[in-house]
Amino acid sequence: MFARNAELPLRRLMDTAPGPEPEWIRLARANNTRIVVTAGELAALNDALEELMAPYVVREPDCRPPKGREVRLLMYTLPECPGSADVATGTGTGTDTGIPE
């Protein structure tokens, strides 16, 4: 999955073909957030996100809204290595949202 989708966001930004309407462009997001959780909390968070998305994933075509559009959601959960400098020092925490420059 990583190899297949790693360059998708950059390709989308660099695409010269007509893109989505401004309303859809404003809704695009990138998120790089570091959190500190236990393995159980991460499992619960992953389950909650899957549960939140499930109704949209399994929605039958005839139940989709007329102005609905396919949207790709890429989500990676990447546990840091124990003793990582960023985790140990608390540096690099926070959230970076929005379209990459």
PDB file of N, CA and C in Angstrom:
ATOM      1  N   MET A   1       0.820  -1.180   0.000  1.00  0.00           N
ATOM      2  CA  MET A   1       0.000   0.000   0.000  1.00  0.00           C
ATOM      3  C   MET A   1       0.873   1.255   0.000  1.00  0.00           C
ATOM      4  N   PHE A   2       1.952   1.250   0.793  1.00  0.00           N
ATOM      5  CA  PHE A   2       2.825   2.416   0.839  1.00  0.00           C
ATOM      6  C   PHE A   2       3.405   2.705  -0.547  1.00  0.00           C
ATOM      7  N   ALA A   3       3.983   1.692  -1.168  1.00  0.00           N
ATOM      8  CA  ALA A   3       4.629   1.892  -2.466  1.00  0.00           C
ATOM      9  C   ALA A   3       3.624   2.329  -3.524  1.00  0.00           C
ATOM     10  N   ARG A   4       2.452   1.753  -3.475  1.00  0.00           N
ATOM     11  CA  ARG A   4       1.445   2.046  -4.489  1.00  0.00           C
ATOM     12  C   ARG A   4       0.905   3.472  -4.362  1.00  0.00           C
ATOM     13  N   ASN A   5       0.847   4.010  -3.149  1.00  0.00           N
ATOM     14  CA  ASN A   5       0.207   5.308  -2.929  1.00  0.00           C
ATOM     15  C   ASN A   5       1.142   6.414  -2.456  1.00  0.00           C
ATOM     16  N   ALA A   6       2.414   6.120  -2.282  1.00  0.00           N
ATOM     17  CA  ALA A   6       3.347   7.088  -1.694  1.00  0.00           C
ATOM     18  C   ALA A   6       3.388   8.417  -2.450  1.00  0.00           C
ATOM     19  N   GLU A   7       3.344   8.369  -3.755  1.00  0.00           N
ATOM     20  CA  GLU A   7       3.472   9.602  -4.525  1.00  0.00           C
ATOM     21  C   GLU A   7       2.129  10.159  -4.997  1.00  0.00           C
ATOM     22  N   LEU A   8       1.039   9.552  -4.574  1.00  0.00           N
ATOM     23  CA  LEU A   8      -0.279  10.007  -5.011  1.00  0.00           C
ATOM     24  C   LEU A   8      -0.549  11.464  -4.660  1.00  0.00           C
ATOM     25  N   PRO A   9      -0.305  11.915  -3.420  1.00  0.00           N
ATOM     26  CA  PRO A   9      -0.573  13.331  -3.124  1.00  0.00           C
ATOM     27  C   PRO A   9       0.234  14.286  -3.991  1.00  0.00           C
ATOM     28  N   LEU A  10       1.505  13.998  -4.204  1.00  0.00           N
ATOM     29  CA  LEU A  10       2.340  14.865  -5.031  1.00  0.00           C
ATOM     30  C   LEU A  10       1.865  14.852  -6.484  1.00  0.00           C
ATOM     31  N   ARG A  11       1.535  13.679  -6.995  1.00  0.00           N
ATOM     32  CA  ARG A  11       1.014  13.602  -8.366  1.00  0.00           C
ATOM     33  C   ARG A  11      -0.259  14.427  -8.497  1.00  0.00           C
ATOM     34  N   ARG A  12      -1.125  14.361  -7.481  1.00  0.00           N
ATOM     35  CA  ARG A  12      -2.379  15.110  -7.525  1.00  0.00           C
ATOM     36  C   ARG A  12      -2.112  16.605  -7.540  1.00  0.00           C
ATOM     37  N   LEU A  13      -1.143  17.056  -6.745  1.00  0.00           N
ATOM     38  CA  LEU A  13      -0.821  18.485  -6.697  1.00  0.00           C
ATOM     39  C   LEU A  13      -0.163  18.960  -7.986  1.00  0.00           C
ATOM     40  N   MET A  14       0.633  18.107  -8.611  1.00  0.00           N
ATOM     41  CA  MET A  14       1.375  18.489  -9.811  1.00  0.00           C
ATOM     42  C   MET A  14       0.579  18.282 -11.095  1.00  0.00           C
ATOM     43  N   ASP A  15      -0.562  17.630 -11.005  1.00  0.00           N
ATOM     44  CA  ASP A  15      -1.384  17.322 -12.175  1.00  0.00           C
ATOM     45  C   ASP A  15      -1.795  18.621 -12.863  1.00  0.00           C
ATOM     46  N   THR A  16      -1.590  18.686 -14.163  1.00  0.00           N
ATOM     47  CA  THR A  16      -1.928  19.882 -14.927  1.00  0.00           C
ATOM     48  C   THR A  16      -3.342  19.812 -15.507  1.00  0.00           C
ATOM     49  N   ALA A  17      -3.982  18.664 -15.396  1.00  0.00           N
ATOM     50  CA  ALA A  17      -5.355  18.532 -15.884  1.00  0.00           C
ATOM     51  C   ALA A  17      -6.269  19.380 -15.011  1.00  0.00           C
ATOM     52  N   PRO A  18      -7.413  19.758 -15.529  1.00  0.00           N
ATOM     53  CA  PRO A  18      -8.343  20.517 -14.693  1.00  0.00           C
ATOM     54  C   PRO A  18      -8.630  19.765 -13.401  1.00  0.00           C
ATOM     55  N   GLY A  19      -8.514  20.462 -12.289  1.00  0.00           N
ATOM     56  CA  GLY A  19      -8.715  19.842 -10.991  1.00  0.00           C
ATOM     57  C   GLY A  19     -10.126  20.028 -10.488  1.00  0.00           C
ATOM     58  N   PRO A  20     -10.333  19.654  -9.248  1.00  0.00           N
ATOM     59  CA  PRO A  20     -11.659  19.829  -8.651  1.00  0.00           C
ATOM     60  C   PRO A  20     -12.015  21.304  -8.511  1.00  0.00           C
ATOM     61  N   GLU A  21     -13.276  21.560  -8.285  1.00  0.00           N
ATOM     62  CA  GLU A  21     -13.762  22.912  -8.080  1.00  0.00           C
ATOM     63  C   GLU A  21     -13.173  23.471  -6.787  1.00  0.00           C
ATOM     64  N   PRO A  22     -13.098  24.807  -6.645  1.00  0.00           N
ATOM     65  CA  PRO A  22     -12.520  25.427  -5.438  1.00  0.00           C
ATOM     66  C   PRO A  22     -13.124  24.906  -4.135  1.00  0.00           C
ATOM     67  N   GLU A  23     -14.422  24.633  -4.129  1.00  0.00           N
ATOM     68  CA  GLU A  23     -15.061  24.103  -2.916  1.00  0.00           C
ATOM     69  C   GLU A  23     -14.405  22.797  -2.474  1.00  0.00           C
ATOM     70  N   TRP A  24     -14.097  21.931  -3.437  1.00  0.00           N
ATOM     71  CA  TRP A  24     -13.479  20.645  -3.125  1.00  0.00           C
ATOM     72  C   TRP A  24     -12.011  20.812  -2.770  1.00  0.00           C
ATOM     73  N   ILE A  25     -11.336  21.738  -3.413  1.00  0.00           N
ATOM     74  CA  ILE A  25      -9.923  21.982  -3.109  1.00  0.00           C
ATOM     75  C   ILE A  25      -9.774  22.458  -1.664  1.00  0.00           C
ATOM     76  N   ARG A  26     -10.668  23.334  -1.206  1.00  0.00           N
ATOM     77  CA  ARG A  26     -10.613  23.827   0.181  1.00  0.00           C
ATOM     78  C   ARG A  26     -10.794  22.703   1.194  1.00  0.00           C
ATOM     79  N   LEU A  27     -11.453  21.632   0.817  1.00  0.00           N
ATOM     80  CA  LEU A  27     -11.724  20.528   1.735  1.00  0.00           C
ATOM     81  C   LEU A  27     -10.587  19.501   1.776  1.00  0.00           C
ATOM     82  N   ALA A  28      -9.632  19.611   0.867  1.00  0.00           N
ATOM     83  CA  ALA A  28      -8.501  18.677   0.864  1.00  0.00           C
ATOM     84  C   ALA A  28      -7.635  18.934   2.101  1.00  0.00           C
ATOM     85  N   ARG A  29      -7.111  17.896   2.696  1.00  0.00           N
ATOM     86  CA  ARG A  29      -6.296  18.028   3.899  1.00  0.00           C
ATOM     87  C   ARG A  29      -5.111  17.069   3.855  1.00  0.00           C
ATOM     88  N   ALA A  30      -4.075  17.495   4.500  1.00  0.00           N
ATOM     89  CA  ALA A  30      -2.941  16.620   4.812  1.00  0.00           C
ATOM     90  C   ALA A  30      -2.754  16.737   6.316  1.00  0.00           C
ATOM     91  N   ASN A  31      -2.435  15.654   6.952  1.00  0.00           N
ATOM     92  CA  ASN A  31      -2.320  15.662   8.397  1.00  0.00           C
ATOM     93  C   ASN A  31      -1.103  14.852   8.801  1.00  0.00           C
ATOM     94  N   ASN A  32      -0.244  15.453   9.595  1.00  0.00           N
ATOM     95  CA  ASN A  32       0.929  14.768  10.124  1.00  0.00           C
ATOM     96  C   ASN A  32       0.963  15.075  11.613  1.00  0.00           C
ATOM     97  N   THR A  33       0.360  14.209  12.399  1.00  0.00           N
ATOM     98  CA  THR A  33       0.201  14.442  13.825  1.00  0.00           C
ATOM     99  C   THR A  33       0.901  13.344  14.610  1.00  0.00           C
ATOM    100  N   ARG A  34       1.667  13.730  15.591  1.00  0.00           N
ATOM    101  CA  ARG A  34       2.309  12.748  16.477  1.00  0.00           C
ATOM    102  C   ARG A  34       1.530  12.745  17.781  1.00  0.00           C
ATOM    103  N   ILE A  35       1.135  11.560  18.232  1.00  0.00           N
ATOM    104  CA  ILE A  35       0.427  11.408  19.494  1.00  0.00           C
ATOM    105  C   ILE A  35       1.171  10.392  20.352  1.00  0.00           C
ATOM    106  N   VAL A  36       0.942  10.427  21.639  1.00  0.00           N
ATOM    107  CA  VAL A  36       1.521   9.448  22.554  1.00  0.00           C
ATOM    108  C   VAL A  36       0.378   8.624  23.117  1.00  0.00           C
ATOM    109  N   VAL A  37       0.371   7.341  22.797  1.00  0.00           N
ATOM    110  CA  VAL A  37      -0.704   6.442  23.204  1.00  0.00           C
ATOM    111  C   VAL A  37      -0.134   5.079  23.573  1.00  0.00           C
ATOM    112  N   THR A  38      -0.927   4.292  24.259  1.00  0.00           N
ATOM    113  CA  THR A  38      -0.571   2.898  24.503  1.00  0.00           C
ATOM    114  C   THR A  38      -1.002   2.088  23.286  1.00  0.00           C
ATOM    115  N   ALA A  39      -0.553   0.854  23.212  1.00  0.00           N
ATOM    116  CA  ALA A  39      -0.966  -0.018  22.109  1.00  0.00           C
ATOM    117  C   ALA A  39      -2.479  -0.193  22.114  1.00  0.00           C
ATOM    118  N   GLY A  40      -3.068  -0.328  23.286  1.00  0.00           N
ATOM    119  CA  GLY A  40      -4.519  -0.467  23.379  1.00  0.00           C
ATOM    120  C   GLY A  40      -5.254   0.765  22.912  1.00  0.00           C
ATOM    121  N   GLU A  41      -4.730   1.940  23.260  1.00  0.00           N
ATOM    122  CA  GLU A  41      -5.355   3.183  22.810  1.00  0.00           C
ATOM    123  C   GLU A  41      -5.252   3.330  21.299  1.00  0.00           C
ATOM    124  N   LEU A  42      -4.112   2.941  20.726  1.00  0.00           N
ATOM    125  CA  LEU A  42      -3.959   3.019  19.272  1.00  0.00           C
ATOM    126  C   LEU A  42      -4.928   2.069  18.586  1.00  0.00           C
ATOM    127  N   ALA A  43      -5.090   0.870  19.143  1.00  0.00           N
ATOM    128  CA  ALA A  43      -6.059  -0.080  18.583  1.00  0.00           C
ATOM    129  C   ALA A  43      -7.463   0.512  18.635  1.00  0.00           C
ATOM    130  N   ALA A  44      -7.820   1.132  19.756  1.00  0.00           N
ATOM    131  CA  ALA A  44      -9.145   1.732  19.898  1.00  0.00           C
ATOM    132  C   ALA A  44      -9.326   2.895  18.923  1.00  0.00           C
ATOM    133  N   LEU A  45      -8.285   3.703  18.745  1.00  0.00           N
ATOM    134  CA  LEU A  45      -8.358   4.821  17.809  1.00  0.00           C
ATOM    135  C   LEU A  45      -8.535   4.316  16.383  1.00  0.00           C
ATOM    136  N   ASN A  46      -7.768   3.311  15.996  1.00  0.00           N
ATOM    137  CA  ASN A  46      -7.911   2.731  14.657  1.00  0.00           C
ATOM    138  C   ASN A  46      -9.321   2.182  14.455  1.00  0.00           C
ATOM    139  N   ASP A  47      -9.843   1.472  15.467  1.00  0.00           N
ATOM    140  CA  ASP A  47     -11.206   0.926  15.371  1.00  0.00           C
ATOM    141  C   ASP A  47     -12.236   2.040  15.229  1.00  0.00           C
ATOM    142  N   ALA A  48     -12.072   3.126  16.013  1.00  0.00           N
ATOM    143  CA  ALA A  48     -13.016   4.245  15.957  1.00  0.00           C
ATOM    144  C   ALA A  48     -12.999   4.913  14.584  1.00  0.00           C
ATOM    145  N   LEU A  49     -11.816   5.083  14.008  1.00  0.00           N
ATOM    146  CA  LEU A  49     -11.729   5.695  12.681  1.00  0.00           C
ATOM    147  C   LEU A  49     -12.384   4.802  11.628  1.00  0.00           C
ATOM    148  N   GLU A  50     -12.140   3.500  11.717  1.00  0.00           N
ATOM    149  CA  GLU A  50     -12.772   2.562  10.780  1.00  0.00           C
ATOM    150  C   GLU A  50     -14.289   2.612  10.921  1.00  0.00           C
ATOM    151  N   GLU A  51     -14.774   2.664  12.157  1.00  0.00           N
ATOM    152  CA  GLU A  51     -16.213   2.723  12.405  1.00  0.00           C
ATOM    153  C   GLU A  51     -16.807   4.018  11.849  1.00  0.00           C
ATOM    154  N   LEU A  52     -16.085   5.117  12.002  1.00  0.00           N
ATOM    155  CA  LEU A  52     -16.544   6.403  11.492  1.00  0.00           C
ATOM    156  C   LEU A  52     -16.660   6.395   9.965  1.00  0.00           C
ATOM    157  N   MET A  53     -15.725   5.738   9.294  1.00  0.00           N
ATOM    158  CA  MET A  53     -15.720   5.717   7.827  1.00  0.00           C
ATOM    159  C   MET A  53     -16.637   4.652   7.231  1.00  0.00           C
ATOM    160  N   ALA A  54     -16.926   3.600   7.985  1.00  0.00           N
ATOM    161  CA  ALA A  54     -17.646   2.437   7.457  1.00  0.00           C
ATOM    162  C   ALA A  54     -18.939   2.770   6.713  1.00  0.00           C
ATOM    163  N   PRO A  55     -19.793   3.641   7.233  1.00  0.00           N
ATOM    164  CA  PRO A  55     -21.050   3.904   6.497  1.00  0.00           C
ATOM    165  C   PRO A  55     -20.824   4.460   5.095  1.00  0.00           C
ATOM    166  N   TYR A  56     -19.738   5.166   4.896  1.00  0.00           N
ATOM    167  CA  TYR A  56     -19.454   5.745   3.583  1.00  0.00           C
ATOM    168  C   TYR A  56     -18.815   4.724   2.653  1.00  0.00           C
ATOM    169  N   VAL A  57     -18.074   3.799   3.221  1.00  0.00           N
ATOM    170  CA  VAL A  57     -17.385   2.778   2.434  1.00  0.00           C
ATOM    171  C   VAL A  57     -18.374   1.754   1.883  1.00  0.00           C
ATOM    172  N   VAL A  58     -19.346   1.377   2.693  1.00  0.00           N
ATOM    173  CA  VAL A  58     -20.269   0.309   2.299  1.00  0.00           C
ATOM    174  C   VAL A  58     -21.580   0.822   1.711  1.00  0.00           C
ATOM    175  N   ARG A  59     -21.702   2.131   1.547  1.00  0.00           N
ATOM    176  CA  ARG A  59     -22.947   2.705   1.025  1.00  0.00           C
ATOM    177  C   ARG A  59     -23.189   2.213  -0.400  1.00  0.00           C
ATOM    178  N   GLU A  60     -24.374   1.710  -0.634  1.00  0.00           N
ATOM    179  CA  GLU A  60     -24.743   1.209  -1.959  1.00  0.00           C
ATOM    180  C   GLU A  60     -24.819   2.370  -2.950  1.00  0.00           C
ATOM    181  N   PRO A  61     -24.478   2.110  -4.215  1.00  0.00           N
ATOM    182  CA  PRO A  61     -24.493   3.185  -5.219  1.00  0.00           C
ATOM    183  C   PRO A  61     -25.809   3.949  -5.292  1.00  0.00           C
ATOM    184  N   ASP A  62     -26.931   3.267  -5.155  1.00  0.00           N
ATOM    185  CA  ASP A  62     -28.215   3.975  -5.258  1.00  0.00           C
ATOM    186  C   ASP A  62     -28.543   4.789  -4.001  1.00  0.00           C
ATOM    187  N   CYS A  63     -27.727   4.671  -2.948  1.00  0.00           N
ATOM    188  CA  CYS A  63     -27.932   5.455  -1.717  1.00  0.00           C
ATOM    189  C   CYS A  63     -26.929   6.604  -1.603  1.00  0.00           C
ATOM    190  N   ARG A  64     -26.077   6.749  -2.601  1.00  0.00           N
ATOM    191  CA  ARG A  64     -25.090   7.823  -2.570  1.00  0.00           C
ATOM    192  C   ARG A  64     -25.751   9.145  -2.946  1.00  0.00           C
ATOM    193  N   PRO A  65     -25.302  10.245  -2.338  1.00  0.00           N
ATOM    194  CA  PRO A  65     -25.920  11.538  -2.651  1.00  0.00           C
ATOM    195  C   PRO A  65     -25.641  11.949  -4.104  1.00  0.00           C
ATOM    196  N   PRO A  66     -26.588  12.640  -4.739  1.00  0.00           N
ATOM    197  CA  PRO A  66     -26.433  13.028  -6.142  1.00  0.00           C
ATOM    198  C   PRO A  66     -25.172  13.840  -6.423  1.00  0.00           C
ATOM    199  N   LYS A  67     -24.762  14.695  -5.511  1.00  0.00           N
ATOM    200  CA  LYS A  67     -23.564  15.507  -5.728  1.00  0.00           C
ATOM    201  C   LYS A  67     -22.340  14.887  -5.072  1.00  0.00           C
ATOM    202  N   GLY A  68     -22.447  13.618  -4.693  1.00  0.00           N
ATOM    203  CA  GLY A  68     -21.329  12.931  -4.052  1.00  0.00           C
ATOM    204  C   GLY A  68     -20.175  12.712  -5.018  1.00  0.00           C
ATOM    205  N   ARG A  69     -18.999  12.650  -4.475  1.00  0.00           N
ATOM    206  CA  ARG A  69     -17.787  12.471  -5.272  1.00  0.00           C
ATOM    207  C   ARG A  69     -16.869  11.504  -4.544  1.00  0.00           C
ATOM    208  N   GLU A  70     -16.162  10.674  -5.291  1.00  0.00           N
ATOM    209  CA  GLU A  70     -15.181   9.786  -4.664  1.00  0.00           C
ATOM    210  C   GLU A  70     -14.063  10.622  -4.071  1.00  0.00           C
ATOM    211  N   VAL A  71     -13.660  10.279  -2.860  1.00  0.00           N
ATOM    212  CA  VAL A  71     -12.573  10.944  -2.155  1.00  0.00           C
ATOM    213  C   VAL A  71     -11.664   9.858  -1.616  1.00  0.00           C
ATOM    214  N   ARG A  72     -10.368   9.985  -1.856  1.00  0.00           N
ATOM    215  CA  ARG A  72      -9.420   9.002  -1.354  1.00  0.00           C
ATOM    216  C   ARG A  72      -8.920   9.451   0.013  1.00  0.00           C
ATOM    217  N   LEU A  73      -9.041   8.565   0.998  1.00  0.00           N
ATOM    218  CA  LEU A  73      -8.520   8.813   2.333  1.00  0.00           C
ATOM    219  C   LEU A  73      -7.331   7.884   2.544  1.00  0.00           C
ATOM    220  N   LEU A  74      -6.153   8.450   2.701  1.00  0.00           N
ATOM    221  CA  LEU A  74      -4.964   7.658   2.980  1.00  0.00           C
ATOM    222  C   LEU A  74      -4.628   7.823   4.457  1.00  0.00           C
ATOM    223  N   MET A  75      -4.510   6.732   5.168  1.00  0.00           N
ATOM    224  CA  MET A  75      -4.212   6.818   6.588  1.00  0.00           C
ATOM    225  C   MET A  75      -3.101   5.828   6.909  1.00  0.00           C
ATOM    226  N   TYR A  76      -2.067   6.331   7.539  1.00  0.00           N
ATOM    227  CA  TYR A  76      -0.970   5.487   7.973  1.00  0.00           C
ATOM    228  C   TYR A  76      -0.828   5.627   9.479  1.00  0.00           C
ATOM    229  N   THR A  77      -0.691   4.537  10.171  1.00  0.00           N
ATOM    230  CA  THR A  77      -0.400   4.551  11.595  1.00  0.00           C
ATOM    231  C   THR A  77       1.001   3.975  11.731  1.00  0.00           C
ATOM    232  N   LEU A  78       1.964   4.816  12.076  1.00  0.00           N
ATOM    233  CA  LEU A  78       3.370   4.421  12.086  1.00  0.00           C
ATOM    234  C   LEU A  78       3.963   4.591  13.484  1.00  0.00           C
ATOM    235  N   PRO A  79       3.935   3.541  14.310  1.00  0.00           N
ATOM    236  CA  PRO A  79       4.532   3.667  15.642  1.00  0.00           C
ATOM    237  C   PRO A  79       6.009   4.016  15.556  1.00  0.00           C
ATOM    238  N   GLU A  80       6.440   4.937  16.393  1.00  0.00           N
ATOM    239  CA  GLU A  80       7.844   5.339  16.463  1.00  0.00           C
ATOM    240  C   GLU A  80       8.643   4.254  17.186  1.00  0.00           C
ATOM    241  N   CYS A  81       9.928   4.216  16.929  1.00  0.00           N
ATOM    242  CA  CYS A  81      10.805   3.282  17.631  1.00  0.00           C
ATOM    243  C   CYS A  81      11.009   3.763  19.063  1.00  0.00           C
ATOM    244  N   PRO A  82      11.073   2.842  20.027  1.00  0.00           N
ATOM    245  CA  PRO A  82      11.336   3.258  21.405  1.00  0.00           C
ATOM    246  C   PRO A  82      12.629   4.065  21.482  1.00  0.00           C
ATOM    247  N   GLY A  83      12.594   5.145  22.247  1.00  0.00           N
ATOM    248  CA  GLY A  83      13.788   5.966  22.413  1.00  0.00           C
ATOM    249  C   GLY A  83      14.052   6.928  21.281  1.00  0.00           C
ATOM    250  N   SER A  84      13.121   7.038  20.335  1.00  0.00           N
ATOM    251  CA  SER A  84      13.292   7.981  19.240  1.00  0.00           C
ATOM    252  C   SER A  84      13.514   9.375  19.811  1.00  0.00           C
ATOM    253  N   ALA A  85      14.424  10.142  19.232  1.00  0.00           N
ATOM    254  CA  ALA A  85      14.765  11.474  19.744  1.00  0.00           C
ATOM    255  C   ALA A  85      13.541  12.369  19.830  1.00  0.00           C
ATOM    256  N   ASP A  86      12.682  12.326  18.821  1.00  0.00           N
ATOM    257  CA  ASP A  86      11.501  13.188  18.836  1.00  0.00           C
ATOM    258  C   ASP A  86      10.571  12.840  19.988  1.00  0.00           C
ATOM    259  N   VAL A  87      10.363  11.543  20.227  1.00  0.00           N
ATOM    260  CA  VAL A  87       9.469  11.132  21.298  1.00  0.00           C
ATOM    261  C   VAL A  87      10.114  11.386  22.648  1.00  0.00           C
ATOM    262  N   ALA A  88      11.387  11.061  22.778  1.00  0.00           N
ATOM    263  CA  ALA A  88      12.084  11.206  24.061  1.00  0.00           C
ATOM    264  C   ALA A  88      12.186  12.670  24.489  1.00  0.00           C
ATOM    265  N   THR A  89      12.399  13.575  23.539  1.00  0.00           N
ATOM    266  CA  THR A  89      12.576  14.989  23.882  1.00  0.00           C
ATOM    267  C   THR A  89      11.288  15.782  23.791  1.00  0.00           C
ATOM    268  N   GLY A  90      10.276  15.183  23.170  1.00  0.00           N
ATOM    269  CA  GLY A  90       9.024  15.918  23.000  1.00  0.00           C
ATOM    270  C   GLY A  90       9.068  16.876  21.833  1.00  0.00           C
ATOM    271  N   THR A  91      10.147  16.864  21.053  1.00  0.00           N
ATOM    272  CA  THR A  91      10.228  17.759  19.901  1.00  0.00           C
ATOM    273  C   THR A  91       9.469  17.154  18.729  1.00  0.00           C
ATOM    274  N   GLY A  92       9.052  18.013  17.860  1.00  0.00           N
ATOM    275  CA  GLY A  92       8.369  17.540  16.658  1.00  0.00           C
ATOM    276  C   GLY A  92       6.922  17.158  16.894  1.00  0.00           C
ATOM    277  N   THR A  93       6.370  17.482  18.049  1.00  0.00           N
ATOM    278  CA  THR A  93       4.968  17.151  18.276  1.00  0.00           C
ATOM    279  C   THR A  93       4.090  18.230  17.706  1.00  0.00           C
ATOM    280  N   GLY A  94       2.847  17.914  17.551  1.00  0.00           N
ATOM    281  CA  GLY A  94       1.904  18.896  17.048  1.00  0.00           C
ATOM    282  C   GLY A  94       1.221  18.421  15.785  1.00  0.00           C
ATOM    283  N   THR A  95       0.525  19.321  15.171  1.00  0.00           N
ATOM    284  CA  THR A  95      -0.269  18.991  14.003  1.00  0.00           C
ATOM    285  C   THR A  95       0.099  19.908  12.855  1.00  0.00           C
ATOM    286  N   ASP A  96       0.184  19.345  11.678  1.00  0.00           N
ATOM    287  CA  ASP A  96       0.417  20.115  10.468  1.00  0.00           C
ATOM    288  C   ASP A  96      -0.704  19.738   9.517  1.00  0.00           C
ATOM    289  N   THR A  97      -1.644  20.643   9.302  1.00  0.00           N
ATOM    290  CA  THR A  97      -2.755  20.331   8.417  1.00  0.00           C
ATOM    291  C   THR A  97      -2.776  21.321   7.263  1.00  0.00           C
ATOM    292  N   GLY A  98      -3.398  20.889   6.195  1.00  0.00           N
ATOM    293  CA  GLY A  98      -3.511  21.736   5.030  1.00  0.00           C
ATOM    294  C   GLY A  98      -2.756  21.136   3.859  1.00  0.00           C
ATOM    295  N   ILE A  99      -2.865  21.752   2.747  1.00  0.00           N
ATOM    296  CA  ILE A  99      -2.202  21.282   1.542  1.00  0.00           C
ATOM    297  C   ILE A  99      -0.720  21.577   1.644  1.00  0.00           C
ATOM    298  N   PRO A 100       0.139  20.574   1.361  1.00  0.00           N
ATOM    299  CA  PRO A 100       1.584  20.820   1.417  1.00  0.00           C
ATOM    300  C   PRO A 100       1.989  21.883   0.407  1.00  0.00           C
ATOM    301  N   GLU A 101       2.990  22.659   0.753  1.00  0.00           N
ATOM    302  CA  GLU A 101       3.474  23.708  -0.160  1.00  0.00           C
ATOM    303  C   GLU A 101       4.412  23.125  -1.187  1.00  0.00           C
TER     304      GLU A 101
END
